[in-house]
PDB file of N, CA and C in Angstrom:
ATOM      1  N   MET A   1      72.931 153.004  67.515  1.00  0.00           N
ATOM      2  CA  MET A   1      72.123 152.904  65.935  1.00  0.00           C
ATOM      3  C   MET A   1      72.218 153.954  65.495  1.00  0.00           C
ATOM      4  N   ASP A   2      72.996 155.003  65.524  1.00  0.00           N
ATOM      5  CA  ASP A   2      72.728 156.370  65.193  1.00  0.00           C
ATOM      6  C   ASP A   2      73.602 156.086  63.864  1.00  0.00           C
ATOM      7  N   ARG A   3      74.715 155.696  64.123  1.00  0.00           N
ATOM      8  CA  ARG A   3      75.020 154.883  63.163  1.00  0.00           C
ATOM      9  C   ARG A   3      74.777 154.715  61.922  1.00  0.00           C
ATOM     10  N   LEU A   4      73.950 153.163  62.701  1.00  0.00           N
ATOM     11  CA  LEU A   4      73.054 152.682  61.546  1.00  0.00           C
ATOM     12  C   LEU A   4      71.989 154.214  60.272  1.00  0.00           C
ATOM     13  N   ASP A   5      71.494 154.864  61.417  1.00  0.00           N
ATOM     14  CA  ASP A   5      70.664 155.719  60.901  1.00  0.00           C
ATOM     15  C   ASP A   5      71.542 156.613  59.824  1.00  0.00           C
ATOM     16  N   VAL A   6      72.311 156.648  59.353  1.00  0.00           N
ATOM     17  CA  VAL A   6      73.261 156.888  58.954  1.00  0.00           C
ATOM     18  C   VAL A   6      72.879 156.013  57.273  1.00  0.00           C
ATOM     19  N   TYR A   7      74.204 154.852  57.684  1.00  0.00           N
ATOM     20  CA  TYR A   7      73.956 154.267  56.650  1.00  0.00           C
ATOM     21  C   TYR A   7      72.457 153.879  55.908  1.00  0.00           C
ATOM     22  N   PHE A   8      71.120 154.026  56.372  1.00  0.00           N
ATOM     23  CA  PHE A   8      70.048 153.949  55.927  1.00  0.00           C
ATOM     24  C   PHE A   8      69.291 154.845  55.208  1.00  0.00           C
ATOM     25  N   GLY A   9      70.053 156.177  55.972  1.00  0.00           N
ATOM     26  CA  GLY A   9      69.417 157.140  55.360  1.00  0.00           C
ATOM     27  C   GLY A   9      69.832 157.617  53.908  1.00  0.00           C
ATOM     28  N   SER A  10      71.145 157.043  53.601  1.00  0.00           N
ATOM     29  CA  SER A  10      72.111 157.441  52.308  1.00  0.00           C
ATOM     30  C   SER A  10      71.555 156.593  51.322  1.00  0.00           C
ATOM     31  N   ALA A  11      70.878 155.227  51.769  1.00  0.00           N
ATOM     32  CA  ALA A  11      70.999 154.331  51.226  1.00  0.00           C
ATOM     33  C   ALA A  11      69.943 153.594  50.193  1.00  0.00           C
ATOM     34  N   LYS A  12      70.226 153.520  48.971  1.00  0.00           N
ATOM     35  CA  LYS A  12      69.408 153.249  47.757  1.00  0.00           C
ATOM     36  C   LYS A  12      69.300 152.426  47.246  1.00  0.00           C
ATOM     37  N   VAL A  13      69.544 151.248  47.377  1.00  0.00           N
ATOM     38  CA  VAL A  13      68.835 149.512  46.741  1.00  0.00           C
ATOM     39  C   VAL A  13      68.928 149.427  48.066  1.00  0.00           C
ATOM     40  N   PHE A  14      69.169 149.193  49.428  1.00  0.00           N
ATOM     41  CA  PHE A  14      68.774 148.866  50.338  1.00  0.00           C
ATOM     42  C   PHE A  14      68.295 149.818  51.418  1.00  0.00           C
ATOM     43  N   ASN A  15      67.416 150.112  50.676  1.00  0.00           N
ATOM     44  CA  ASN A  15      66.765 151.034  51.895  1.00  0.00           C
ATOM     45  C   ASN A  15      65.006 149.801  51.506  1.00  0.00           C
ATOM     46  N   ILE A  16      65.683 149.555  52.859  1.00  0.00           N
ATOM     47  CA  ILE A  16      64.173 148.376  53.340  1.00  0.00           C
ATOM     48  C   ILE A  16      63.743 147.957  54.473  1.00  0.00           C
ATOM     49  N   GLU A  17      62.655 148.621  55.130  1.00  0.00           N
ATOM     50  CA  GLU A  17      62.773 148.503  56.777  1.00  0.00           C
ATOM     51  C   GLU A  17      62.597 147.109  57.152  1.00  0.00           C
ATOM     52  N   LEU A  18      62.808 145.822  56.507  1.00  0.00           N
ATOM     53  CA  LEU A  18      63.242 144.529  57.565  1.00  0.00           C
ATOM     54  C   LEU A  18      64.412 144.866  57.047  1.00  0.00           C
ATOM     55  N   ILE A  19      65.537 144.841  56.780  1.00  0.00           N
ATOM     56  CA  ILE A  19      66.712 144.996  56.468  1.00  0.00           C
ATOM     57  C   ILE A  19      66.867 146.176  57.909  1.00  0.00           C
ATOM     58  N   GLU A  20      66.482 147.318  57.981  1.00  0.00           N
ATOM     59  CA  GLU A  20      66.890 148.323  59.093  1.00  0.00           C
ATOM     60  C   GLU A  20      66.387 147.910  59.562  1.00  0.00           C
ATOM     61  N   ALA A  21      65.219 146.900  59.950  1.00  0.00           N
ATOM     62  CA  ALA A  21      64.754 146.210  61.276  1.00  0.00           C
ATOM     63  C   ALA A  21      65.420 145.258  62.131  1.00  0.00           C
ATOM     64  N   LEU A  22      65.994 144.142  60.801  1.00  0.00           N
ATOM     65  CA  LEU A  22      66.829 143.408  61.675  1.00  0.00           C
ATOM     66  C   LEU A  22      68.928 143.748  61.871  1.00  0.00           C
ATOM     67  N   ALA A  23      68.828 144.801  61.505  1.00  0.00           N
ATOM     68  CA  ALA A  23      70.235 145.026  61.394  1.00  0.00           C
ATOM     69  C   ALA A  23      70.457 145.147  62.935  1.00  0.00           C
ATOM     70  N   PRO A  24      70.625 145.954  63.530  1.00  0.00           N
ATOM     71  CA  PRO A  24      70.722 145.550  65.596  1.00  0.00           C
ATOM     72  C   PRO A  24      70.655 143.633  65.287  1.00  0.00           C
ATOM     73  N   LEU A  25      70.495 143.059  64.857  1.00  0.00           N
ATOM     74  CA  LEU A  25      71.094 141.403  65.588  1.00  0.00           C
ATOM     75  C   LEU A  25      72.532 141.258  64.695  1.00  0.00           C
ATOM     76  N   VAL A  26      73.667 142.760  63.705  1.00  0.00           N
ATOM     77  CA  VAL A  26      74.270 141.912  63.165  1.00  0.00           C
ATOM     78  C   VAL A  26      75.360 141.623  64.385  1.00  0.00           C
ATOM     79  N   PRO A  27      75.851 142.523  65.402  1.00  0.00           N
ATOM     80  CA  PRO A  27      76.446 141.950  65.994  1.00  0.00           C
ATOM     81  C   PRO A  27      76.869 139.996  66.927  1.00  0.00           C
ATOM     82  N   PHE A  28      74.673 140.168  66.970  1.00  0.00           N
ATOM     83  CA  PHE A  28      74.998 138.476  67.602  1.00  0.00           C
ATOM     84  C   PHE A  28      74.830 138.220  66.549  1.00  0.00           C
ATOM     85  N   GLU A  29      75.133 138.173  65.082  1.00  0.00           N
ATOM     86  CA  GLU A  29      75.042 137.520  64.501  1.00  0.00           C
ATOM     87  C   GLU A  29      76.888 136.944  64.159  1.00  0.00           C
ATOM     88  N   GLU A  30      77.677 137.738  64.095  1.00  0.00           N
ATOM     89  CA  GLU A  30      78.576 137.806  63.793  1.00  0.00           C
ATOM     90  C   GLU A  30      79.443 136.988  64.795  1.00  0.00           C
ATOM     91  N   PHE A  31      78.989 137.493  66.357  1.00  0.00           N
ATOM     92  CA  PHE A  31      79.622 136.768  67.266  1.00  0.00           C
ATOM     93  C   PHE A  31      79.174 135.084  67.239  1.00  0.00           C
ATOM     94  N   VAL A  32      77.906 135.377  66.466  1.00  0.00           N
ATOM     95  CA  VAL A  32      77.848 133.358  66.759  1.00  0.00           C
ATOM     96  C   VAL A  32      79.083 132.876  65.775  1.00  0.00           C
ATOM     97  N   ILE A  33      78.244 133.412  65.009  1.00  0.00           N
ATOM     98  CA  ILE A  33      79.120 132.434  63.654  1.00  0.00           C
ATOM     99  C   ILE A  33      80.857 132.804  64.282  1.00  0.00           C
ATOM    100  N   GLY A  34      81.616 133.747  64.815  1.00  0.00           N
ATOM    101  CA  GLY A  34      82.860 133.435  65.516  1.00  0.00           C
ATOM    102  C   GLY A  34      83.256 132.450  66.454  1.00  0.00           C
ATOM    103  N   MET A  35      82.283 132.690  67.460  1.00  0.00           N
ATOM    104  CA  MET A  35      82.616 131.045  68.274  1.00  0.00           C
ATOM    105  C   MET A  35      82.659 129.741  67.132  1.00  0.00           C
ATOM    106  N   PHE A  36      81.003 130.120  66.723  1.00  0.00           N
ATOM    107  CA  PHE A  36      80.950 128.159  65.666  1.00  0.00           C
ATOM    108  C   PHE A  36      82.517 128.337  65.614  1.00  0.00           C
ATOM    109  N   LEU A  37      83.518 129.057  64.240  1.00  0.00           N
ATOM    110  CA  LEU A  37      84.457 128.726  63.887  1.00  0.00           C
ATOM    111  C   LEU A  37      85.670 129.118  65.239  1.00  0.00           C
ATOM    112  N   ILE A  38      85.919 129.242  66.260  1.00  0.00           N
ATOM    113  CA  ILE A  38      86.698 129.488  66.937  1.00  0.00           C
ATOM    114  C   ILE A  38      86.454 127.426  67.491  1.00  0.00           C
ATOM    115  N   LEU A  39      85.204 127.436  67.858  1.00  0.00           N
ATOM    116  CA  LEU A  39      84.726 125.907  68.164  1.00  0.00           C
ATOM    117  C   LEU A  39      85.389 125.175  67.205  1.00  0.00           C
ATOM    118  N   GLY A  40      85.288 125.312  65.773  1.00  0.00           N
ATOM    119  CA  GLY A  40      85.038 124.311  65.157  1.00  0.00           C
ATOM    120  C   GLY A  40      84.140 123.488  64.782  1.00  0.00           C
ATOM    121  N   ILE A  41      82.453 124.289  65.087  1.00  0.00           N
ATOM    122  CA  ILE A  41      81.095 123.199  64.872  1.00  0.00           C
ATOM    123  C   ILE A  41      80.855 124.131  63.950  1.00  0.00           C
ATOM    124  N   PHE A  42      80.223 123.053  62.734  1.00  0.00           N
ATOM    125  CA  PHE A  42      80.103 122.675  61.609  1.00  0.00           C
ATOM    126  C   PHE A  42      80.564 123.966  60.546  1.00  0.00           C
ATOM    127  N   THR A  43      81.929 123.419  60.250  1.00  0.00           N
ATOM    128  CA  THR A  43      82.241 124.700  59.659  1.00  0.00           C
ATOM    129  C   THR A  43      82.024 124.963  58.352  1.00  0.00           C
ATOM    130  N   LYS A  44      81.389 124.529  57.587  1.00  0.00           N
ATOM    131  CA  LYS A  44      81.838 124.025  56.218  1.00  0.00           C
ATOM    132  C   LYS A  44      80.327 125.265  56.379  1.00  0.00           C
ATOM    133  N   GLU A  45      79.531 124.751  56.500  1.00  0.00           N
ATOM    134  CA  GLU A  45      78.141 125.206  56.541  1.00  0.00           C
ATOM    135  C   GLU A  45      78.292 126.742  57.002  1.00  0.00           C
ATOM    136  N   VAL A  46      79.119 127.237  58.142  1.00  0.00           N
ATOM    137  CA  VAL A  46      79.553 128.509  59.128  1.00  0.00           C
ATOM    138  C   VAL A  46      80.140 129.698  57.560  1.00  0.00           C
ATOM    139  N   LEU A  47      81.003 129.033  57.414  1.00  0.00           N
ATOM    140  CA  LEU A  47      81.660 129.543  56.174  1.00  0.00           C
ATOM    141  C   LEU A  47      81.172 130.100  54.621  1.00  0.00           C
ATOM    142  N   ILE A  48      80.609 129.634  53.942  1.00  0.00           N
ATOM    143  CA  ILE A  48      79.134 129.518  54.234  1.00  0.00           C
ATOM    144  C   ILE A  48      78.050 130.035  54.633  1.00  0.00           C
ATOM    145  N   ALA A  49      78.075 130.361  55.558  1.00  0.00           N
ATOM    146  CA  ALA A  49      76.851 132.030  56.247  1.00  0.00           C
ATOM    147  C   ALA A  49      77.170 133.514  56.488  1.00  0.00           C
ATOM    148  N   THR A  50      79.175 132.995  56.421  1.00  0.00           N
ATOM    149  CA  THR A  50      80.170 133.953  56.781  1.00  0.00           C
ATOM    150  C   THR A  50      79.978 134.689  54.960  1.00  0.00           C
ATOM    151  N   ILE A  51      80.250 133.724  54.249  1.00  0.00           N
ATOM    152  CA  ILE A  51      81.237 134.507  53.357  1.00  0.00           C
ATOM    153  C   ILE A  51      79.469 135.162  51.777  1.00  0.00           C
ATOM    154  N   THR A  52      78.025 134.475  52.347  1.00  0.00           N
ATOM    155  CA  THR A  52      76.637 135.380  52.374  1.00  0.00           C
ATOM    156  C   THR A  52      76.337 136.613  53.152  1.00  0.00           C
ATOM    157  N   LEU A  53      76.886 135.808  54.756  1.00  0.00           N
ATOM    158  CA  LEU A  53      76.498 137.964  55.094  1.00  0.00           C
ATOM    159  C   LEU A  53      77.450 138.702  55.322  1.00  0.00           C
ATOM    160  N   PHE A  54      79.375 138.345  54.523  1.00  0.00           N
ATOM    161  CA  PHE A  54      79.998 139.375  54.639  1.00  0.00           C
ATOM    162  C   PHE A  54      79.353 139.609  52.421  1.00  0.00           C
ATOM    163  N   THR A  55      79.321 139.024  51.422  1.00  0.00           N
ATOM    164  CA  THR A  55      78.781 139.582  49.833  1.00  0.00           C
ATOM    165  C   THR A  55      78.125 141.009  50.573  1.00  0.00           C
ATOM    166  N   PHE A  56      77.138 140.081  51.507  1.00  0.00           N
ATOM    167  CA  PHE A  56      76.102 141.594  51.609  1.00  0.00           C
ATOM    168  C   PHE A  56      76.010 142.580  52.073  1.00  0.00           C
ATOM    169  N   PHE A  57      77.139 142.128  53.574  1.00  0.00           N
ATOM    170  CA  PHE A  57      77.746 143.703  53.770  1.00  0.00           C
ATOM    171  C   PHE A  57      78.764 145.047  52.901  1.00  0.00           C
ATOM    172  N   MET A  58      79.587 144.354  51.761  1.00  0.00           N
ATOM    173  CA  MET A  58      79.901 144.499  50.873  1.00  0.00           C
ATOM    174  C   MET A  58      78.990 144.915  49.714  1.00  0.00           C
ATOM    175  N   LEU A  59      77.735 144.825  49.880  1.00  0.00           N
ATOM    176  CA  LEU A  59      76.806 145.251  48.585  1.00  0.00           C
ATOM    177  C   LEU A  59      76.346 146.319  49.479  1.00  0.00           C
ATOM    178  N   PHE A  60      75.920 146.238  50.289  1.00  0.00           N
ATOM    179  CA  PHE A  60      75.469 147.188  50.979  1.00  0.00           C
ATOM    180  C   PHE A  60      76.094 148.417  51.214  1.00  0.00           C
ATOM    181  N   PHE A  61      77.358 148.559  51.778  1.00  0.00           N
ATOM    182  CA  PHE A  61      78.756 149.534  51.553  1.00  0.00           C
ATOM    183  C   PHE A  61      78.725 150.377  50.607  1.00  0.00           C
ATOM    184  N   LEU A  62      79.145 149.668  49.574  1.00  0.00           N
ATOM    185  CA  LEU A  62      78.984 150.816  48.066  1.00  0.00           C
ATOM    186  C   LEU A  62      77.846 150.139  48.195  1.00  0.00           C
ATOM    187  N   ASP A  63      76.012 150.557  48.689  1.00  0.00           N
ATOM    188  CA  ASP A  63      75.785 151.381  48.258  1.00  0.00           C
ATOM    189  C   ASP A  63      75.671 152.609  48.634  1.00  0.00           C
ATOM    190  N   VAL A  64      75.764 152.154  50.034  1.00  0.00           N
ATOM    191  CA  VAL A  64      75.723 154.060  51.165  1.00  0.00           C
ATOM    192  C   VAL A  64      77.569 154.392  50.763  1.00  0.00           C
ATOM    193  N   ASN A  65      78.221 154.121  49.510  1.00  0.00           N
ATOM    194  CA  ASN A  65      79.644 154.805  49.338  1.00  0.00           C
ATOM    195  C   ASN A  65      80.517 155.194  50.107  1.00  0.00           C
ATOM    196  N   TYR A  66      80.263 154.014  51.296  1.00  0.00           N
ATOM    197  CA  TYR A  66      81.887 153.582  52.286  1.00  0.00           C
ATOM    198  C   TYR A  66      82.463 152.253  51.493  1.00  0.00           C
ATOM    199  N   TRP A  67      83.281 153.127  50.250  1.00  0.00           N
ATOM    200  CA  TRP A  67      84.586 151.747  49.493  1.00  0.00           C
ATOM    201  C   TRP A  67      85.391 151.659  50.670  1.00  0.00           C
ATOM    202  N   PHE A  68      85.589 152.420  51.758  1.00  0.00           N
ATOM    203  CA  PHE A  68      86.477 151.852  52.474  1.00  0.00           C
ATOM    204  C   PHE A  68      86.228 150.574  53.592  1.00  0.00           C
ATOM    205  N   LEU A  69      85.043 150.633  53.933  1.00  0.00           N
ATOM    206  CA  LEU A  69      84.132 149.306  54.328  1.00  0.00           C
ATOM    207  C   LEU A  69      84.098 148.037  53.104  1.00  0.00           C
ATOM    208  N   ALA A  70      83.815 148.331  52.124  1.00  0.00           N
ATOM    209  CA  ALA A  70      82.814 147.300  51.653  1.00  0.00           C
ATOM    210  C   ALA A  70      84.007 146.818  51.335  1.00  0.00           C
ATOM    211  N   SER A  71      85.624 147.653  50.729  1.00  0.00           N
ATOM    212  CA  SER A  71      86.594 146.930  50.448  1.00  0.00           C
ATOM    213  C   SER A  71      87.178 145.712  51.278  1.00  0.00           C
ATOM    214  N   ILE A  72      87.074 145.873  52.846  1.00  0.00           N
ATOM    215  CA  ILE A  72      87.541 144.989  54.328  1.00  0.00           C
ATOM    216  C   ILE A  72      86.733 143.927  54.234  1.00  0.00           C
ATOM    217  N   TYR A  73      85.223 144.255  53.931  1.00  0.00           N
ATOM    218  CA  TYR A  73      83.871 143.023  53.682  1.00  0.00           C
ATOM    219  C   TYR A  73      84.313 142.190  52.651  1.00  0.00           C
ATOM    220  N   CYS A  74      84.934 142.882  50.695  1.00  0.00           N
ATOM    221  CA  CYS A  74      85.321 142.024  50.147  1.00  0.00           C
ATOM    222  C   CYS A  74      86.872 140.922  50.599  1.00  0.00           C
ATOM    223  N   ILE A  75      87.339 142.007  50.949  1.00  0.00           N
ATOM    224  CA  ILE A  75      89.273 140.733  51.994  1.00  0.00           C
ATOM    225  C   ILE A  75      88.200 140.060  51.985  1.00  0.00           C
ATOM    226  N   LEU A  76      87.372 140.322  52.737  1.00  0.00           N
ATOM    227  CA  LEU A  76      87.197 139.154  54.718  1.00  0.00           C
ATOM    228  C   LEU A  76      86.511 138.027  53.503  1.00  0.00           C
ATOM    229  N   SER A  77      85.713 138.062  52.644  1.00  0.00           N
ATOM    230  CA  SER A  77      84.775 137.016  51.916  1.00  0.00           C
ATOM    231  C   SER A  77      85.989 136.479  50.937  1.00  0.00           C
ATOM    232  N   PHE A  78      87.114 137.167  50.887  1.00  0.00           N
ATOM    233  CA  PHE A  78      87.658 135.922  50.146  1.00  0.00           C
ATOM    234  C   PHE A  78      88.676 135.011  50.726  1.00  0.00           C
ATOM    235  N   VAL A  79      88.812 136.104  52.329  1.00  0.00           N
ATOM    236  CA  VAL A  79      89.744 135.065  52.735  1.00  0.00           C
ATOM    237  C   VAL A  79      89.120 133.820  53.424  1.00  0.00           C
ATOM    238  N   ALA A  80      86.982 134.008  53.370  1.00  0.00           N
ATOM    239  CA  ALA A  80      86.215 133.188  54.155  1.00  0.00           C
ATOM    240  C   ALA A  80      86.391 131.808  52.780  1.00  0.00           C
ATOM    241  N   ILE A  81      86.222 132.611  51.628  1.00  0.00           N
ATOM    242  CA  ILE A  81      85.901 132.024  50.344  1.00  0.00           C
ATOM    243  C   ILE A  81      87.371 130.173  50.369  1.00  0.00           C
ATOM    244  N   VAL A  82      88.464 131.300  50.447  1.00  0.00           N
ATOM    245  CA  VAL A  82      89.793 130.979  50.433  1.00  0.00           C
ATOM    246  C   VAL A  82      90.214 129.795  51.466  1.00  0.00           C
ATOM    247  N   LEU A  83      89.024 129.731  52.959  1.00  0.00           N
ATOM    248  CA  LEU A  83      89.452 128.812  53.626  1.00  0.00           C
ATOM    249  C   LEU A  83      88.036 128.167  53.019  1.00  0.00           C
ATOM    250  N   LEU A  84      87.021 128.276  52.821  1.00  0.00           N
ATOM    251  CA  LEU A  84      85.908 127.029  52.772  1.00  0.00           C
ATOM    252  C   LEU A  84      86.602 126.331  51.267  1.00  0.00           C
ATOM    253  N   LYS A  85      87.648 126.357  50.258  1.00  0.00           N
ATOM    254  CA  LYS A  85      88.093 125.664  49.686  1.00  0.00           C
ATOM    255  C   LYS A  85      89.619 124.911  49.769  1.00  0.00           C
ATOM    256  N   ASN A  86      89.774 125.620  51.413  1.00  0.00           N
ATOM    257  CA  ASN A  86      91.019 124.214  52.013  1.00  0.00           C
ATOM    258  C   ASN A  86      90.525 123.274  52.364  1.00  0.00           C
ATOM    259  N   SER A  87      90.732 122.465  52.170  1.00  0.00           N
ATOM    260  CA  SER A  87      90.150 121.382  52.373  1.00  0.00           C
ATOM    261  C   SER A  87      90.313 120.377  53.598  1.00  0.00           C
ATOM    262  N   HIS A  88      91.344 120.780  54.212  1.00  0.00           N
ATOM    263  CA  HIS A  88      92.023 119.912  55.954  1.00  0.00           C
ATOM    264  C   HIS A  88      90.946 121.231  56.221  1.00  0.00           C
ATOM    265  N   TYR A  89      90.419 122.381  56.059  1.00  0.00           N
ATOM    266  CA  TYR A  89      89.865 123.072  57.502  1.00  0.00           C
ATOM    267  C   TYR A  89      89.242 122.442  58.415  1.00  0.00           C
ATOM    268  N   ASP A  90      88.486 120.642  58.261  1.00  0.00           N
ATOM    269  CA  ASP A  90      87.893 120.090  59.308  1.00  0.00           C
ATOM    270  C   ASP A  90      87.787 119.284  60.054  1.00  0.00           C
ATOM    271  N   ILE A  91      89.058 119.480  60.367  1.00  0.00           N
ATOM    272  CA  ILE A  91      90.492 118.113  60.527  1.00  0.00           C
ATOM    273  C   ILE A  91      89.650 117.858  62.139  1.00  0.00           C
ATOM    274  N   ASN A  92      90.506 118.930  63.048  1.00  0.00           N
ATOM    275  CA  ASN A  92      90.033 119.232  64.313  1.00  0.00           C
ATOM    276  C   ASN A  92      88.443 120.129  64.890  1.00  0.00           C
ATOM    277  N   SER A  93      87.426 119.666  64.143  1.00  0.00           N
ATOM    278  CA  SER A  93      86.255 120.421  63.814  1.00  0.00           C
ATOM    279  C   SER A  93      85.100 119.779  64.957  1.00  0.00           C
ATOM    280  N   MET A  94      84.840 119.751  65.726  1.00  0.00           N
ATOM    281  CA  MET A  94      83.885 118.959  65.748  1.00  0.00           C
ATOM    282  C   MET A  94      82.595 117.646  65.455  1.00  0.00           C
ATOM    283  N   SER A  95      82.588 118.509  64.235  1.00  0.00           N
ATOM    284  CA  SER A  95      81.629 117.757  63.606  1.00  0.00           C
ATOM    285  C   SER A  95      82.173 117.316  61.644  1.00  0.00           C
ATOM    286  N   TYR A  96      83.900 116.923  62.480  1.00  0.00           N
ATOM    287  CA  TYR A  96      84.212 115.980  61.446  1.00  0.00           C
ATOM    288  C   TYR A  96      84.454 114.225  61.743  1.00  0.00           C
ATOM    289  N   ASN A  97      83.539 113.682  61.071  1.00  0.00           N
ATOM    290  CA  ASN A  97      83.750 112.173  60.552  1.00  0.00           C
ATOM    291  C   ASN A  97      82.572 111.836  61.753  1.00  0.00           C
ATOM    292  N   LYS A  98      82.584 110.970  62.574  1.00  0.00           N
ATOM    293  CA  LYS A  98      82.052 110.148  63.004  1.00  0.00           C
ATOM    294  C   LYS A  98      82.556 110.677  64.613  1.00  0.00           C
ATOM    295  N   GLU A  99      83.355 111.350  64.016  1.00  0.00           N
ATOM    296  CA  GLU A  99      83.237 111.860  66.373  1.00  0.00           C
ATOM    297  C   GLU A  99      82.997 112.814  66.451  1.00  0.00           C
ATOM    298  N   PRO A 100      81.665 112.742  66.284  1.00  0.00           N
ATOM    299  CA  PRO A 100      80.415 114.248  66.648  1.00  0.00           C
ATOM    300  C   PRO A 100      81.359 115.545  67.661  1.00  0.00           C
ATOM    301  N   TYR A 101      81.874 114.954  68.701  1.00  0.00           N
ATOM    302  CA  TYR A 101      81.835 115.570  69.321  1.00  0.00           C
ATOM    303  C   TYR A 101      83.410 115.970  70.089  1.00  0.00           C
ATOM    304  N   ARG A 102      84.588 115.266  69.174  1.00  0.00           N
ATOM    305  CA  ARG A 102      85.952 114.837  70.285  1.00  0.00           C
ATOM    306  C   ARG A 102      86.134 116.921  69.323  1.00  0.00           C
ATOM    307  N   VAL A 103      86.615 117.324  69.961  1.00  0.00           N
ATOM    308  CA  VAL A 103      87.668 118.611  68.930  1.00  0.00           C
ATOM    309  C   VAL A 103      89.412 117.898  68.876  1.00  0.00           C
ATOM    310  N   ILE A 104      89.710 117.692  69.725  1.00  0.00           N
ATOM    311  CA  ILE A 104      91.212 117.281  69.345  1.00  0.00           C
ATOM    312  C   ILE A 104      91.714 115.809  69.790  1.00  0.00           C
ATOM    313  N   LYS A 105      92.308 115.705  68.557  1.00  0.00           N
ATOM    314  CA  LYS A 105      92.685 113.628  68.006  1.00  0.00           C
ATOM    315  C   LYS A 105      93.650 113.926  68.566  1.00  0.00           C
TER     316      LYS A 105
END
């Protein structure tokens, strides 16, 4: 929480109280997104949410002048975009074709 105070103390564009209030929920969001990706549940939708979240983080860290963290999130966003563009990412997914609960073929 102290680190969040440091980040939001130096934010210029993202100095919004709503964003600061929702910031402690980020680890939970990342955990849920990671579990969905590992289990292969709604992979396409989760990758879109991941790209959105990572892009927001990248812009936020650029705003607070943490260039190293912004570059990490830029790379992670790029990886998520590559995974989304890959046509075979959903083969063993629970949401693939008409077999919604089958994980392994």
